[in-house]
Amino acid sequence: MAVANEVIADRFHLRSSRGPGAWGELFDAEDKPPFAALAGGLSSRGASVAGNVVLIELVQSATLPDGVKAETVEREMKAVKSASNPHLLKCLECGRVGAGHSQGLLYLAMESWKDSLEDRLQQPTTISDQDLEIIAGAVADALVTLHNRGIHHAGVHPGRIVWVGADWKLAPSGPAAAAGLRILPPENTTSPAEDVYAFGLTFLHAFLAVRGHVAPPPHLQLHHP
């Protein structure tokens, strides 16, 4: 499995694990130019080359949920990478690791984020109704892009709505939403309609939270007639 300082795809330097992601394990990493990665992270003058901070998700076939194949995950990674919207988390690169401790594993490189809507709602005084209206509009726009491309997100919840730079974005979720919540409607529909239902409950929860009615996120998984 991956180790600290391993270089993925001749450019992504793994630093430390963040724990589970949508498909596998998340790692903080630096994106450095190929010449810097191959030279051990040193410039021509011997100084350390600073890279952009990114997140790398590494996936082992053996840890995927029953019935989910690595090929399915790879197809979804490529589909997410190809979807372009300012409110979708930017996916930089994906594929299979060619060498090193992680050889053969699937990887997805994406923008790093500071915190999530779920984090902010733990301290609701840091967010307002006006903020939530902006965030809801951003997530709705991201979902329209995904659905127009035939992509079912399958994991909309406060932990997947993240703060990147100066924008709120929707982070990808795996085909089985293996990590985090899965907000299914009462009829258990697993289609873009699920995303719409999960969007509605996510922001109902958020607007109630800023009014002091904070419920634990797992509560969103319950049926709400």
Protein backbone atom coordinates (compact mmCIF):
# COMPACT_ATOMS: atom_id res chain seq x y z
CA MET A 1 0.00 0.00 0.00
CA ALA A 2 1.04 3.65 -0.31
CA VAL A 3 3.78 5.12 1.86
CA ALA A 4 4.76 8.67 2.76
CA ASN A 5 6.94 10.38 0.13
CA GLU A 6 5.97 7.88 -2.55
CA VAL A 7 5.64 9.55 -5.96
CA ILE A 8 2.52 8.74 -8.00
CA ALA A 9 2.55 9.23 -11.78
CA ASP A 10 5.95 10.98 -11.61
CA ARG A 11 4.38 14.11 -10.11
CA PHE A 12 2.24 13.56 -6.99
CA HIS A 13 4.29 13.29 -3.76
CA LEU A 14 2.25 11.58 -1.04
CA ARG A 15 2.57 13.16 2.40
CA SER A 16 0.07 11.83 4.96
CA SER A 17 -3.23 9.95 5.06
CA ARG A 18 -6.53 11.74 5.65
CA GLY A 19 -8.44 8.49 6.06
CA PRO A 20 -11.26 7.03 3.94
CA GLY A 21 -12.51 8.73 0.81
CA ALA A 22 -15.31 7.93 -1.63
CA TRP A 23 -13.55 4.91 -3.14
CA GLY A 24 -10.40 4.25 -1.11
CA GLU A 25 -7.90 6.10 1.10
CA LEU A 26 -7.21 9.84 0.84
CA PHE A 27 -3.71 11.28 1.04
CA ASP A 28 -2.50 14.84 1.24
CA ALA A 29 0.08 15.30 -1.49
CA GLU A 30 2.07 17.83 -3.47
CA ASP A 31 1.77 18.17 -7.21
CA LYS A 32 5.26 18.86 -8.52
CA PRO A 33 6.49 19.11 -12.12
CA PRO A 34 7.92 15.85 -13.47
CA PHE A 35 11.52 17.02 -13.43
CA ALA A 36 11.20 17.92 -9.74
CA ALA A 37 9.60 14.59 -8.86
CA LEU A 38 12.28 12.60 -10.68
CA ALA A 39 15.04 14.65 -9.07
CA GLY A 40 13.74 13.98 -5.58
CA GLY A 41 11.98 17.31 -5.31
CA LEU A 42 15.05 19.50 -5.88
CA SER A 43 15.50 22.31 -8.36
CA SER A 44 18.59 22.70 -10.55
CA ARG A 45 20.12 24.83 -7.79
CA GLY A 46 19.51 22.21 -5.11
CA ALA A 47 16.61 24.04 -3.44
CA SER A 48 13.40 22.26 -2.52
CA VAL A 49 10.64 22.71 -5.08
CA ALA A 50 7.29 23.52 -3.50
CA GLY A 51 4.29 21.93 -5.21
CA ASN A 52 0.58 22.67 -5.16
CA VAL A 53 -1.28 20.89 -2.38
CA VAL A 54 -3.64 18.23 -3.77
CA LEU A 55 -5.52 15.17 -2.58
CA ILE A 56 -4.82 11.70 -3.92
CA GLU A 57 -7.32 8.89 -3.53
CA LEU A 58 -5.86 5.39 -3.84
CA VAL A 59 -8.13 2.40 -4.38
CA GLN A 60 -7.45 -1.29 -3.77
CA SER A 61 -9.76 -3.70 -5.56
CA ALA A 62 -9.86 -5.93 -2.47
CA THR A 63 -11.37 -3.17 -0.32
CA LEU A 64 -14.21 -2.22 -2.66
CA PRO A 65 -17.76 -3.12 -1.57
CA ASP A 66 -19.19 -6.41 -2.79
CA GLY A 67 -20.34 -6.19 -6.39
CA VAL A 68 -18.24 -3.11 -7.22
CA LYS A 69 -15.42 -3.77 -9.66
CA ALA A 70 -12.25 -1.75 -10.09
CA GLU A 71 -13.18 -1.18 -13.75
CA THR A 72 -16.43 0.45 -12.61
CA VAL A 73 -14.54 2.80 -10.31
CA GLU A 74 -12.03 3.65 -13.04
CA ARG A 75 -14.84 4.50 -15.49
CA GLU A 76 -16.50 6.72 -12.90
CA MET A 77 -13.22 8.46 -12.09
CA LYS A 78 -12.76 9.26 -15.79
CA ALA A 79 -16.36 10.48 -16.06
CA VAL A 80 -15.94 12.77 -13.04
CA LYS A 81 -12.63 14.07 -14.41
CA SER A 82 -14.28 14.95 -17.71
CA ALA A 83 -17.16 16.87 -16.10
CA SER A 84 -16.38 20.57 -16.02
CA ASN A 85 -18.18 23.02 -13.75
CA PRO A 86 -16.78 25.71 -11.41
CA HIS A 87 -18.80 24.17 -8.58
CA LEU A 88 -17.49 20.63 -9.06
CA LEU A 89 -14.28 19.68 -7.30
CA LYS A 90 -11.61 19.71 -10.02
CA CYS A 91 -10.14 16.29 -10.77
CA LEU A 92 -6.61 16.65 -12.14
CA GLU A 93 -5.63 13.15 -13.20
CA CYS A 94 -6.61 9.51 -12.75
CA GLY A 95 -5.47 6.05 -13.79
CA ARG A 96 -3.45 3.15 -12.44
CA VAL A 97 -0.18 3.55 -10.57
CA GLY A 98 2.62 2.20 -12.74
CA ALA A 99 5.38 1.58 -10.17
CA GLY A 100 6.32 1.68 -6.50
CA HIS A 101 4.52 0.40 -3.40
CA SER A 102 1.15 1.36 -4.93
CA GLN A 103 1.74 -0.27 -8.30
CA GLY A 104 -1.52 -1.38 -9.91
CA LEU A 105 -3.77 0.66 -7.62
CA LEU A 106 -6.25 3.11 -9.05
CA TYR A 107 -5.63 6.75 -8.20
CA LEU A 108 -7.55 10.00 -8.52
CA ALA A 109 -5.79 13.35 -8.03
CA MET A 110 -8.02 16.28 -7.14
CA GLU A 111 -8.09 19.71 -5.58
CA SER A 112 -7.53 19.84 -1.85
CA TRP A 113 -10.11 21.41 0.43
CA LYS A 114 -9.98 23.13 3.81
CA ASP A 115 -13.24 22.06 5.38
CA SER A 116 -16.76 20.99 4.54
CA LEU A 117 -20.29 22.19 5.08
CA GLU A 118 -20.58 19.45 7.70
CA ASP A 119 -17.64 20.99 9.59
CA ARG A 120 -19.19 24.47 9.42
CA LEU A 121 -22.56 23.23 10.68
CA GLN A 122 -20.91 21.98 13.85
CA GLN A 123 -20.41 25.68 14.61
CA PRO A 124 -23.49 27.18 12.93
CA THR A 125 -22.69 30.74 14.03
CA THR A 126 -19.96 30.73 11.36
CA ILE A 127 -22.50 30.46 8.55
CA SER A 128 -25.66 32.41 7.62
CA ASP A 129 -28.85 31.92 5.63
CA GLN A 130 -27.31 34.02 2.87
CA ASP A 131 -24.26 31.77 2.81
CA LEU A 132 -26.48 28.69 2.56
CA GLU A 133 -28.41 30.17 -0.36
CA ILE A 134 -25.14 30.65 -2.24
CA ILE A 135 -23.93 27.14 -1.37
CA ALA A 136 -27.24 25.55 -2.38
CA GLY A 137 -27.12 27.35 -5.72
CA ALA A 138 -23.56 26.13 -6.31
CA VAL A 139 -24.40 22.50 -5.50
CA ALA A 140 -27.56 22.59 -7.63
CA ASP A 141 -25.53 23.89 -10.56
CA ALA A 142 -22.95 21.12 -10.08
CA LEU A 143 -25.68 18.46 -10.02
CA VAL A 144 -27.22 19.80 -13.23
CA THR A 145 -23.85 19.34 -14.96
CA LEU A 146 -23.47 15.78 -13.66
CA HIS A 147 -27.04 14.78 -14.54
CA ASN A 148 -26.77 16.27 -18.03
CA ARG A 149 -23.77 13.99 -18.56
CA GLY A 150 -25.66 10.97 -17.24
CA ILE A 151 -23.64 10.85 -13.99
CA HIS A 152 -25.38 9.86 -10.76
CA HIS A 153 -23.48 11.35 -7.80
CA ALA A 154 -24.83 8.87 -5.20
CA GLY A 155 -23.46 10.65 -2.15
CA VAL A 156 -24.76 14.20 -1.74
CA HIS A 157 -24.47 15.20 1.93
CA PRO A 158 -22.84 18.01 3.97
CA GLY A 159 -19.48 16.23 4.16
CA ARG A 160 -19.17 16.20 0.34
CA ILE A 161 -19.75 19.95 -0.03
CA VAL A 162 -16.30 21.46 0.47
CA TRP A 163 -14.58 24.83 0.67
CA VAL A 164 -11.84 25.25 -1.96
CA GLY A 165 -9.98 28.55 -2.19
CA ALA A 166 -12.89 30.98 -2.22
CA ASP A 167 -15.62 28.68 -3.54
CA TRP A 168 -17.95 25.92 -2.37
CA LYS A 169 -17.76 22.78 -4.51
CA LEU A 170 -19.32 19.33 -4.67
CA ALA A 171 -16.75 16.57 -4.17
CA PRO A 172 -17.13 13.25 -6.03
CA SER A 173 -18.57 10.13 -4.45
CA GLY A 174 -17.89 6.52 -5.39
CA PRO A 175 -20.31 4.22 -7.21
CA ALA A 176 -21.27 2.64 -3.89
CA ALA A 177 -20.80 5.82 -1.82
CA ALA A 178 -18.50 3.66 0.28
CA ALA A 179 -17.51 6.44 2.68
CA GLY A 180 -19.84 8.84 4.42
CA LEU A 181 -23.59 9.10 4.26
CA ARG A 182 -25.93 7.70 1.63
CA ILE A 183 -29.21 9.62 1.79
CA LEU A 184 -31.71 7.39 0.00
CA PRO A 185 -35.35 8.38 -0.52
CA PRO A 186 -38.03 6.19 1.12
CA GLU A 187 -38.59 4.32 -2.16
CA ASN A 188 -34.84 3.52 -2.26
CA THR A 189 -34.43 4.99 -5.74
CA THR A 190 -30.79 4.86 -6.84
CA SER A 191 -30.77 7.30 -9.73
CA PRO A 192 -30.35 11.05 -10.23
CA ALA A 193 -33.63 11.37 -8.30
CA GLU A 194 -31.68 10.21 -5.23
CA ASP A 195 -29.36 13.19 -5.65
CA VAL A 196 -32.31 15.59 -5.73
CA TYR A 197 -33.79 14.06 -2.55
CA ALA A 198 -30.40 14.12 -0.80
CA PHE A 199 -29.89 17.75 -1.88
CA GLY A 200 -33.24 18.70 -0.34
CA LEU A 201 -32.56 16.99 2.98
CA THR A 202 -29.00 18.33 3.13
CA PHE A 203 -30.16 21.92 2.92
CA LEU A 204 -33.21 21.41 5.14
CA HIS A 205 -30.72 20.13 7.73
CA ALA A 206 -28.40 23.09 7.07
CA PHE A 207 -31.07 25.79 7.38
CA LEU A 208 -32.33 24.21 10.61
CA ALA A 209 -28.77 23.99 11.95
CA VAL A 210 -28.16 27.73 11.59
CA ARG A 211 -31.28 28.22 13.71
CA GLY A 212 -29.89 26.08 16.49
CA HIS A 213 -31.55 22.78 15.55
CA VAL A 214 -28.38 20.79 15.00
CA ALA A 215 -28.95 17.10 14.32
CA PRO A 216 -26.19 14.52 13.93
CA PRO A 217 -25.47 13.91 10.21
CA PRO A 218 -26.55 10.20 10.37
CA HIS A 219 -30.05 11.49 11.11
CA LEU A 220 -30.22 12.48 7.44
CA GLN A 221 -30.17 8.80 6.48
CA LEU A 222 -33.52 8.21 8.18
CA HIS A 223 -36.73 8.24 6.19
CA HIS A 224 -38.51 11.58 6.27
CA PRO A 225 -42.14 11.12 5.14
